[in-house]
Amino acid sequence: GATEGHRLQVFLYNNTGGATVDGQVGMVAYDGDEETNPQVIAAATTTVQRDFVISDGIIATTSWGWWTVSGYANVLVEGTTDLTKDDFIQAVNAQAYAVEDTTSMTADSIGIYCDSDFTTNGVSTGAPKKCFLFGGTHLIG
């Protein structure tokens, strides 16, 4: 992978089913084909801890691109449940964004929200928000 500033990035195959948007949340998956392994798929509920990554810009479908694993990243978030600085964030089943987890870290927490308050009932499309990703493996409960 590559490090840039305070983040770690890896080059992964986009198998999410479409082109990404900047800051899209994905889940790492593996198959036996070196042409597509490792790959990013849409986030999905899992009982096995998985790596979650954030797209660094637009990545065409079935193409390779850079994904942030840990450190600072601009992340799509959804603000129906208000996000405030220092809230933990989690991935969401079948969605390309993160939401508030809680004010305390859980097994679902993929990072911490570092931006100004986001209280919009909707996704921050076109304006991903600054977060710090923990790296490692997590769940979608």
C-alpha atoms as a PDB file:
ATOM      1  CA  GLY A   1       0.000   0.000   0.000  1.00  0.00           C
ATOM      2  CA  ALA A   2       0.934   3.642  -0.059  1.00  0.00           C
ATOM      3  CA  THR A   3       0.998   6.061   2.825  1.00  0.00           C
ATOM      4  CA  GLU A   4       0.126   9.703   2.354  1.00  0.00           C
ATOM      5  CA  GLY A   5       0.241  12.073   5.292  1.00  0.00           C
ATOM      6  CA  HIS A   6      -1.562  10.359   8.081  1.00  0.00           C
ATOM      7  CA  ARG A   7      -3.274   7.623   6.088  1.00  0.00           C
ATOM      8  CA  LEU A   8      -2.663   4.196   4.616  1.00  0.00           C
ATOM      9  CA  GLN A   9      -3.986   3.373   1.162  1.00  0.00           C
ATOM     10  CA  VAL A  10      -4.135   0.147  -0.841  1.00  0.00           C
ATOM     11  CA  PHE A  11      -4.747  -0.542  -4.532  1.00  0.00           C
ATOM     12  CA  LEU A  12      -7.897  -2.695  -4.827  1.00  0.00           C
ATOM     13  CA  TYR A  13     -10.278  -3.919  -7.537  1.00  0.00           C
ATOM     14  CA  ASN A  14     -13.707  -2.209  -7.574  1.00  0.00           C
ATOM     15  CA  ASN A  15     -16.364  -4.927  -7.595  1.00  0.00           C
ATOM     16  CA  THR A  16     -19.081  -2.853  -5.901  1.00  0.00           C
ATOM     17  CA  GLY A  17     -21.382  -3.071  -8.910  1.00  0.00           C
ATOM     18  CA  GLY A  18     -20.765   0.439 -10.215  1.00  0.00           C
ATOM     19  CA  ALA A  19     -18.370   3.358 -10.329  1.00  0.00           C
ATOM     20  CA  THR A  20     -17.638   4.789  -6.906  1.00  0.00           C
ATOM     21  CA  VAL A  21     -18.142   8.326  -5.713  1.00  0.00           C
ATOM     22  CA  ASP A  22     -15.488  10.109  -3.679  1.00  0.00           C
ATOM     23  CA  GLY A  23     -15.613   8.908  -0.076  1.00  0.00           C
ATOM     24  CA  GLN A  24     -17.646   5.758  -0.724  1.00  0.00           C
ATOM     25  CA  VAL A  25     -17.554   3.039   1.955  1.00  0.00           C
ATOM     26  CA  GLY A  26     -16.741  -0.487   0.776  1.00  0.00           C
ATOM     27  CA  MET A  27     -15.836  -3.866   2.243  1.00  0.00           C
ATOM     28  CA  VAL A  28     -12.771  -5.910   1.247  1.00  0.00           C
ATOM     29  CA  ALA A  29     -13.395  -9.383  -0.168  1.00  0.00           C
ATOM     30  CA  TYR A  30     -11.152 -12.058  -1.625  1.00  0.00           C
ATOM     31  CA  ASP A  31     -11.345 -14.590  -4.439  1.00  0.00           C
ATOM     32  CA  GLY A  32      -8.857 -16.891  -6.117  1.00  0.00           C
ATOM     33  CA  ASP A  33      -8.507 -14.876  -9.315  1.00  0.00           C
ATOM     34  CA  GLU A  34      -5.394 -12.707  -9.290  1.00  0.00           C
ATOM     35  CA  GLU A  35      -7.044 -10.413 -11.856  1.00  0.00           C
ATOM     36  CA  THR A  36      -9.653  -9.306  -9.285  1.00  0.00           C
ATOM     37  CA  ASN A  37      -8.104 -10.156  -5.916  1.00  0.00           C
ATOM     38  CA  PRO A  38      -8.299  -8.462  -3.468  1.00  0.00           C
ATOM     39  CA  GLN A  39     -11.462  -6.570  -4.281  1.00  0.00           C
ATOM     40  CA  VAL A  40     -13.965  -4.171  -2.773  1.00  0.00           C
ATOM     41  CA  ILE A  41     -17.646  -5.092  -2.615  1.00  0.00           C
ATOM     42  CA  ALA A  42     -20.653  -3.226  -1.251  1.00  0.00           C
ATOM     43  CA  ALA A  43     -20.834  -3.163   2.540  1.00  0.00           C
ATOM     44  CA  ALA A  44     -22.987  -5.989   3.880  1.00  0.00           C
ATOM     45  CA  THR A  45     -24.041  -7.377   7.237  1.00  0.00           C
ATOM     46  CA  THR A  46     -21.465  -9.879   8.391  1.00  0.00           C
ATOM     47  CA  THR A  47     -20.817 -12.011  11.442  1.00  0.00           C
ATOM     48  CA  VAL A  48     -17.123 -12.237  10.535  1.00  0.00           C
ATOM     49  CA  GLN A  49     -15.013  -9.125  11.040  1.00  0.00           C
ATOM     50  CA  ARG A  50     -14.028  -7.509   7.741  1.00  0.00           C
ATOM     51  CA  ASP A  51     -11.835  -4.649   6.513  1.00  0.00           C
ATOM     52  CA  PHE A  52     -13.742  -1.519   5.488  1.00  0.00           C
ATOM     53  CA  VAL A  53     -12.204   0.983   3.074  1.00  0.00           C
ATOM     54  CA  ILE A  54     -13.022   4.401   1.609  1.00  0.00           C
ATOM     55  CA  SER A  55     -12.698   5.223  -2.112  1.00  0.00           C
ATOM     56  CA  ASP A  56     -10.186   7.931  -2.912  1.00  0.00           C
ATOM     57  CA  GLY A  57     -12.038   9.643  -5.735  1.00  0.00           C
ATOM     58  CA  ILE A  58     -14.089   8.072  -8.507  1.00  0.00           C
ATOM     59  CA  ILE A  59     -13.075   4.506  -9.366  1.00  0.00           C
ATOM     60  CA  ALA A  60     -14.672   2.995 -12.473  1.00  0.00           C
ATOM     61  CA  THR A  61     -16.545  -0.269 -12.098  1.00  0.00           C
ATOM     62  CA  THR A  62     -14.360  -3.383 -12.547  1.00  0.00           C
ATOM     63  CA  SER A  63     -11.210  -1.243 -12.341  1.00  0.00           C
ATOM     64  CA  TRP A  64      -8.357  -0.940  -9.889  1.00  0.00           C
ATOM     65  CA  GLY A  65      -8.051   2.146  -7.698  1.00  0.00           C
ATOM     66  CA  TRP A  66      -6.805   3.583  -4.418  1.00  0.00           C
ATOM     67  CA  TRP A  67      -8.793   2.992  -1.233  1.00  0.00           C
ATOM     68  CA  THR A  68      -8.003   4.378   2.224  1.00  0.00           C
ATOM     69  CA  VAL A  69      -7.689   1.747   4.960  1.00  0.00           C
ATOM     70  CA  SER A  70      -6.690   3.852   7.948  1.00  0.00           C
ATOM     71  CA  GLY A  71      -5.945   7.423   8.896  1.00  0.00           C
ATOM     72  CA  TYR A  72      -7.627  10.604   7.677  1.00  0.00           C
ATOM     73  CA  ALA A  73     -10.131  10.228   4.853  1.00  0.00           C
ATOM     74  CA  ASN A  74     -13.069  12.118   3.416  1.00  0.00           C
ATOM     75  CA  VAL A  75     -16.060   9.835   3.993  1.00  0.00           C
ATOM     76  CA  LEU A  76     -19.641   9.915   2.732  1.00  0.00           C
ATOM     77  CA  VAL A  77     -21.866  10.195   5.796  1.00  0.00           C
ATOM     78  CA  GLU A  78     -25.605  10.258   6.391  1.00  0.00           C
ATOM     79  CA  GLY A  79     -26.955  12.670   8.991  1.00  0.00           C
ATOM     80  CA  THR A  80     -30.477  11.529   9.879  1.00  0.00           C
ATOM     81  CA  THR A  81     -28.958  10.801  13.288  1.00  0.00           C
ATOM     82  CA  ASP A  82     -26.876  13.933  13.863  1.00  0.00           C
ATOM     83  CA  LEU A  83     -23.109  13.570  13.579  1.00  0.00           C
ATOM     84  CA  THR A  84     -20.966  15.745  15.792  1.00  0.00           C
ATOM     85  CA  LYS A  85     -17.203  15.912  16.174  1.00  0.00           C
ATOM     86  CA  ASP A  86     -15.857  12.916  18.135  1.00  0.00           C
ATOM     87  CA  ASP A  87     -18.812  10.613  17.309  1.00  0.00           C
ATOM     88  CA  PHE A  88     -17.780   7.142  16.200  1.00  0.00           C
ATOM     89  CA  ILE A  89     -18.964   6.034  12.747  1.00  0.00           C
ATOM     90  CA  GLN A  90     -19.998   2.673  11.350  1.00  0.00           C
ATOM     91  CA  ALA A  91     -20.620   1.188   7.909  1.00  0.00           C
ATOM     92  CA  VAL A  92     -24.200   0.401   6.884  1.00  0.00           C
ATOM     93  CA  ASN A  93     -25.584  -2.728   5.227  1.00  0.00           C
ATOM     94  CA  ALA A  94     -25.988  -2.227   1.440  1.00  0.00           C
ATOM     95  CA  GLN A  95     -25.076   1.486   1.624  1.00  0.00           C
ATOM     96  CA  ALA A  96     -22.116   3.527   0.354  1.00  0.00           C
ATOM     97  CA  TYR A  97     -22.005   5.803   3.410  1.00  0.00           C
ATOM     98  CA  ALA A  98     -21.264   5.716   7.137  1.00  0.00           C
ATOM     99  CA  VAL A  99     -23.548   6.778   9.989  1.00  0.00           C
ATOM    100  CA  GLU A 100     -23.151   7.636  13.643  1.00  0.00           C
ATOM    101  CA  ASP A 101     -22.316   4.573  15.734  1.00  0.00           C
ATOM    102  CA  THR A 102     -22.309   5.977  19.274  1.00  0.00           C
ATOM    103  CA  THR A 103     -20.215   8.279  21.407  1.00  0.00           C
ATOM    104  CA  SER A 104     -18.278   5.201  22.590  1.00  0.00           C
ATOM    105  CA  MET A 105     -16.293   2.791  20.435  1.00  0.00           C
ATOM    106  CA  THR A 106     -17.974  -0.530  19.562  1.00  0.00           C
ATOM    107  CA  ALA A 107     -17.063  -3.572  17.434  1.00  0.00           C
ATOM    108  CA  ASP A 108     -18.905  -1.805  14.577  1.00  0.00           C
ATOM    109  CA  SER A 109     -16.869   1.441  14.795  1.00  0.00           C
ATOM    110  CA  ILE A 110     -14.744   1.961  11.664  1.00  0.00           C
ATOM    111  CA  GLY A 111     -13.581   5.445  12.607  1.00  0.00           C
ATOM    112  CA  ILE A 112     -14.263   8.740  14.342  1.00  0.00           C
ATOM    113  CA  TYR A 113     -15.937  11.822  12.893  1.00  0.00           C
ATOM    114  CA  CYS A 114     -13.595  14.871  12.771  1.00  0.00           C
ATOM    115  CA  ASP A 115     -15.637  17.443  10.844  1.00  0.00           C
ATOM    116  CA  SER A 116     -18.184  20.115  11.783  1.00  0.00           C
ATOM    117  CA  ASP A 117     -21.654  18.996  12.834  1.00  0.00           C
ATOM    118  CA  PHE A 118     -23.664  17.257  10.087  1.00  0.00           C
ATOM    119  CA  THR A 119     -27.377  17.226  10.792  1.00  0.00           C
ATOM    120  CA  THR A 120     -28.800  16.857   7.297  1.00  0.00           C
ATOM    121  CA  ASN A 121     -31.352  14.120   6.664  1.00  0.00           C
ATOM    122  CA  GLY A 122     -29.464  12.761   3.687  1.00  0.00           C
ATOM    123  CA  VAL A 123     -26.048  11.762   2.394  1.00  0.00           C
ATOM    124  CA  SER A 124     -23.125  14.176   2.088  1.00  0.00           C
ATOM    125  CA  THR A 125     -22.846  13.408  -1.649  1.00  0.00           C
ATOM    126  CA  GLY A 126     -20.300  15.651  -3.337  1.00  0.00           C
ATOM    127  CA  ALA A 127     -19.027  16.812   0.052  1.00  0.00           C
ATOM    128  CA  PRO A 128     -17.571  13.868   1.991  1.00  0.00           C
ATOM    129  CA  LYS A 129     -16.664  14.677   5.587  1.00  0.00           C
ATOM    130  CA  LYS A 130     -13.294  14.390   7.342  1.00  0.00           C
ATOM    131  CA  CYS A 131     -12.996  11.273   9.490  1.00  0.00           C
ATOM    132  CA  PHE A 132     -10.177   9.220  10.960  1.00  0.00           C
ATOM    133  CA  LEU A 133     -10.368   5.512  10.065  1.00  0.00           C
ATOM    134  CA  PHE A 134      -9.029   2.988  12.561  1.00  0.00           C
ATOM    135  CA  GLY A 135      -8.029   0.271  10.119  1.00  0.00           C
ATOM    136  CA  GLY A 136      -8.303  -3.340  11.252  1.00  0.00           C
ATOM    137  CA  THR A 137     -11.447  -5.429  10.993  1.00  0.00           C
ATOM    138  CA  HIS A 138     -14.977  -4.545  12.058  1.00  0.00           C
ATOM    139  CA  LEU A 139     -18.558  -5.771  11.879  1.00  0.00           C
ATOM    140  CA  ILE A 140     -21.830  -4.537  10.480  1.00  0.00           C
ATOM    141  CA  GLY A 141     -24.255  -5.734  13.121  1.00  0.00           C
END
